[in-house]
Amino acid sequence: MKPLNQSVLNGPSGSQNTSNSSARVLRQFRLIFSSIRRHFQTIEKVAGVGGAQIWALSLIAQTPGLAVTQLSHAMDIHQSTASNLVRALLKAGFIHSEKSVNDKRVAELYPLPEGLKLLKKVPGPYTGVLPMALGELAPETLSSLERDLDALIKKLDVDEVSAQTPMALM
């Protein structure tokens, strides 16, 4: 087996401290993603549907008559993604849709008893553990995190569309 080159062990700068910091931050990301994955796996195991569907269902239950456009804004996802979630919830019999009295082009979404029953047995938070945790951070911590993650994102080859994909669907 060929020994690892020192620059691979220490990172591009050759600094052991940078390497250790990078490794610690990488472990932090692993812990975050593991926590997210475990939460969504628990939801899917209990509910039989994915976390994004549960989140959408919870929003519809909180705001009966919600339109797909409003749902996509509330979840910060693309409207086509929201439409796919709604289609799955309709097919499963968790919600129903009615044309708006005010605008026949708009479908209003309402929870069905089966959907409400499902929400009662699913562990929260419905939005997922990461949005909940971010919402609990102090504003200055959140601003700092946003700046720091923006710097990291600039170093990556990112797919901008993925920013509007629920983590439960990734």
Protein backbone atom coordinates (compact mmCIF):
# COMPACT_ATOMS: atom_id res chain seq x y z
CA MET A 1 0.00 0.00 0.00
CA LYS A 2 1.35 3.39 -1.03
CA PRO A 3 1.75 5.91 1.84
CA LEU A 4 -0.33 9.07 1.63
CA ASN A 5 1.41 12.17 0.45
CA GLN A 6 1.84 14.75 3.24
CA SER A 7 -0.18 17.40 1.32
CA VAL A 8 -3.14 15.00 1.25
CA LEU A 9 -2.91 14.60 5.02
CA ASN A 10 -2.41 18.30 5.72
CA GLY A 11 -4.60 19.80 3.01
CA PRO A 12 -3.55 22.17 0.22
CA SER A 13 -2.02 24.75 2.55
CA GLY A 14 0.22 22.16 4.17
CA SER A 15 -0.95 23.34 7.55
CA GLN A 16 -1.84 20.67 10.09
CA ASN A 17 -4.15 23.15 11.86
CA THR A 18 -6.15 23.81 8.66
CA SER A 19 -6.43 20.09 8.08
CA ASN A 20 -7.70 19.48 11.62
CA SER A 21 -10.23 22.32 11.30
CA SER A 22 -11.42 20.98 7.95
CA ALA A 23 -11.82 17.50 9.42
CA ARG A 24 -13.77 18.83 12.41
CA VAL A 25 -16.10 20.86 10.17
CA LEU A 26 -16.59 17.87 7.89
CA ARG A 27 -17.57 15.79 10.94
CA GLN A 28 -20.02 18.53 11.92
CA PHE A 29 -21.67 18.34 8.48
CA ARG A 30 -21.83 14.55 8.83
CA LEU A 31 -23.56 14.90 12.21
CA ILE A 32 -26.06 17.39 10.76
CA PHE A 33 -26.86 15.22 7.72
CA SER A 34 -27.08 12.10 9.87
CA SER A 35 -29.58 13.80 12.18
CA ILE A 36 -31.67 14.97 9.21
CA ARG A 37 -31.62 11.52 7.58
CA ARG A 38 -32.51 9.76 10.84
CA HIS A 39 -35.49 12.12 11.40
CA PHE A 40 -36.84 11.56 7.87
CA GLN A 41 -36.31 7.79 8.14
CA THR A 42 -38.29 7.78 11.39
CA ILE A 43 -41.11 9.75 9.78
CA GLU A 44 -41.21 7.44 6.76
CA LYS A 45 -41.16 4.36 8.99
CA VAL A 46 -44.05 5.65 11.13
CA ALA A 47 -46.09 7.33 8.39
CA GLY A 48 -45.31 5.29 5.32
CA VAL A 49 -44.81 8.55 3.40
CA GLY A 50 -41.87 10.90 3.11
CA GLY A 51 -41.01 13.87 5.28
CA ALA A 52 -41.76 16.42 2.56
CA GLN A 53 -45.29 15.02 2.19
CA ILE A 54 -45.80 15.20 5.96
CA TRP A 55 -44.61 18.80 6.01
CA ALA A 56 -46.98 19.71 3.15
CA LEU A 57 -49.84 17.87 4.86
CA SER A 58 -49.17 19.71 8.13
CA LEU A 59 -49.29 23.08 6.35
CA ILE A 60 -52.57 22.15 4.65
CA ALA A 61 -53.98 21.05 8.01
CA GLN A 62 -52.87 24.33 9.62
CA THR A 63 -54.36 26.42 6.80
CA PRO A 64 -57.33 24.66 5.19
CA GLY A 65 -57.99 26.12 1.75
CA LEU A 66 -54.28 26.64 1.04
CA ALA A 67 -53.47 26.88 -2.69
CA VAL A 68 -50.54 25.06 -4.29
CA THR A 69 -48.76 28.37 -4.91
CA GLN A 70 -49.11 29.30 -1.25
CA LEU A 71 -47.84 25.85 -0.26
CA SER A 72 -44.77 26.23 -2.48
CA HIS A 73 -44.02 29.63 -0.88
CA ALA A 74 -44.53 28.29 2.65
CA MET A 75 -42.14 25.41 1.99
CA ASP A 76 -39.75 27.54 -0.11
CA ILE A 77 -39.89 25.01 -2.94
CA HIS A 78 -40.59 25.19 -6.65
CA GLN A 79 -44.27 25.13 -7.58
CA SER A 80 -43.84 21.93 -9.64
CA THR A 81 -42.36 20.20 -6.57
CA ALA A 82 -45.33 21.36 -4.48
CA SER A 83 -47.69 20.09 -7.19
CA ASN A 84 -46.01 16.68 -7.08
CA LEU A 85 -46.37 16.54 -3.28
CA VAL A 86 -50.05 17.53 -3.55
CA ARG A 87 -50.66 14.90 -6.23
CA ALA A 88 -49.18 12.20 -3.97
CA LEU A 89 -51.26 13.37 -0.97
CA LEU A 90 -54.44 13.41 -3.09
CA LYS A 91 -53.72 9.91 -4.42
CA ALA A 92 -53.08 8.60 -0.88
CA GLY A 93 -56.40 10.04 0.34
CA PHE A 94 -54.87 12.42 2.89
CA ILE A 95 -56.22 15.64 1.33
CA HIS A 96 -58.86 16.74 -1.14
CA SER A 97 -58.98 19.64 -3.54
CA GLU A 98 -61.81 22.04 -4.38
CA LYS A 99 -61.99 24.85 -6.92
CA SER A 100 -61.92 28.24 -5.25
CA VAL A 101 -65.24 30.07 -5.13
CA ASN A 102 -63.40 33.33 -5.93
CA ASP A 103 -61.16 32.04 -8.72
CA LYS A 104 -62.03 28.78 -10.51
CA ARG A 105 -58.41 28.46 -11.73
CA VAL A 106 -57.20 27.98 -8.14
CA ALA A 107 -57.51 24.67 -6.32
CA GLU A 108 -57.88 24.92 -2.56
CA LEU A 109 -56.46 22.07 -0.48
CA TYR A 110 -58.14 20.58 2.57
CA PRO A 111 -57.04 17.81 4.93
CA LEU A 112 -59.11 14.65 5.13
CA PRO A 113 -59.66 12.72 8.39
CA GLU A 114 -57.05 10.12 7.33
CA GLY A 115 -54.49 12.90 6.85
CA LEU A 116 -55.20 14.42 10.25
CA LYS A 117 -54.98 10.98 11.84
CA LEU A 118 -51.61 10.43 10.17
CA LEU A 119 -50.23 13.73 11.49
CA LYS A 120 -51.15 12.75 15.04
CA LYS A 121 -48.96 9.65 14.92
CA VAL A 122 -45.93 11.23 13.24
CA PRO A 123 -43.13 12.61 15.42
CA GLY A 124 -42.41 16.29 14.90
CA PRO A 125 -41.15 18.62 13.86
CA TYR A 126 -43.07 18.34 10.60
CA THR A 127 -40.75 20.83 8.89
CA GLY A 128 -37.75 18.69 9.74
CA VAL A 129 -35.07 19.01 12.39
CA LEU A 130 -32.82 21.41 10.49
CA PRO A 131 -35.41 24.17 9.84
CA MET A 132 -36.52 23.85 13.47
CA ALA A 133 -32.95 24.15 14.77
CA LEU A 134 -32.16 27.08 12.47
CA GLY A 135 -35.30 28.84 13.68
CA GLU A 136 -34.08 28.52 17.27
CA LEU A 137 -30.70 30.17 16.63
CA ALA A 138 -30.05 33.73 17.70
CA PRO A 139 -30.35 36.18 14.78
CA GLU A 140 -26.65 37.11 14.93
CA THR A 141 -25.64 33.43 14.91
CA LEU A 142 -27.91 32.77 11.94
CA SER A 143 -26.45 35.78 10.05
CA SER A 144 -22.90 34.58 10.72
CA LEU A 145 -23.78 31.05 9.63
CA GLU A 146 -25.38 32.40 6.44
CA ARG A 147 -22.24 34.40 5.56
CA ASP A 148 -19.93 31.48 6.31
CA LEU A 149 -22.00 28.98 4.33
CA ASP A 150 -22.19 31.44 1.43
CA ALA A 151 -18.37 31.50 1.35
CA LEU A 152 -18.33 27.68 1.32
CA ILE A 153 -20.99 27.47 -1.40
CA LYS A 154 -18.90 29.78 -3.60
CA LYS A 155 -16.12 27.15 -3.47
CA LEU A 156 -18.45 24.38 -4.68
CA ASP A 157 -20.00 23.54 -8.02
CA VAL A 158 -23.60 23.91 -6.89
CA ASP A 159 -26.89 23.18 -8.59
CA GLU A 160 -28.96 26.29 -7.84
CA VAL A 161 -32.23 24.36 -8.46
CA SER A 162 -31.47 22.11 -5.50
CA ALA A 163 -31.89 25.11 -3.18
CA GLN A 164 -35.66 24.71 -3.68
CA THR A 165 -35.76 20.94 -3.16
CA PRO A 166 -36.86 19.72 0.28
CA MET A 167 -34.06 17.85 2.03
CA ALA A 168 -36.43 14.91 2.48
CA LEU A 169 -36.43 14.50 -1.31
CA MET A 170 -32.63 14.68 -1.72
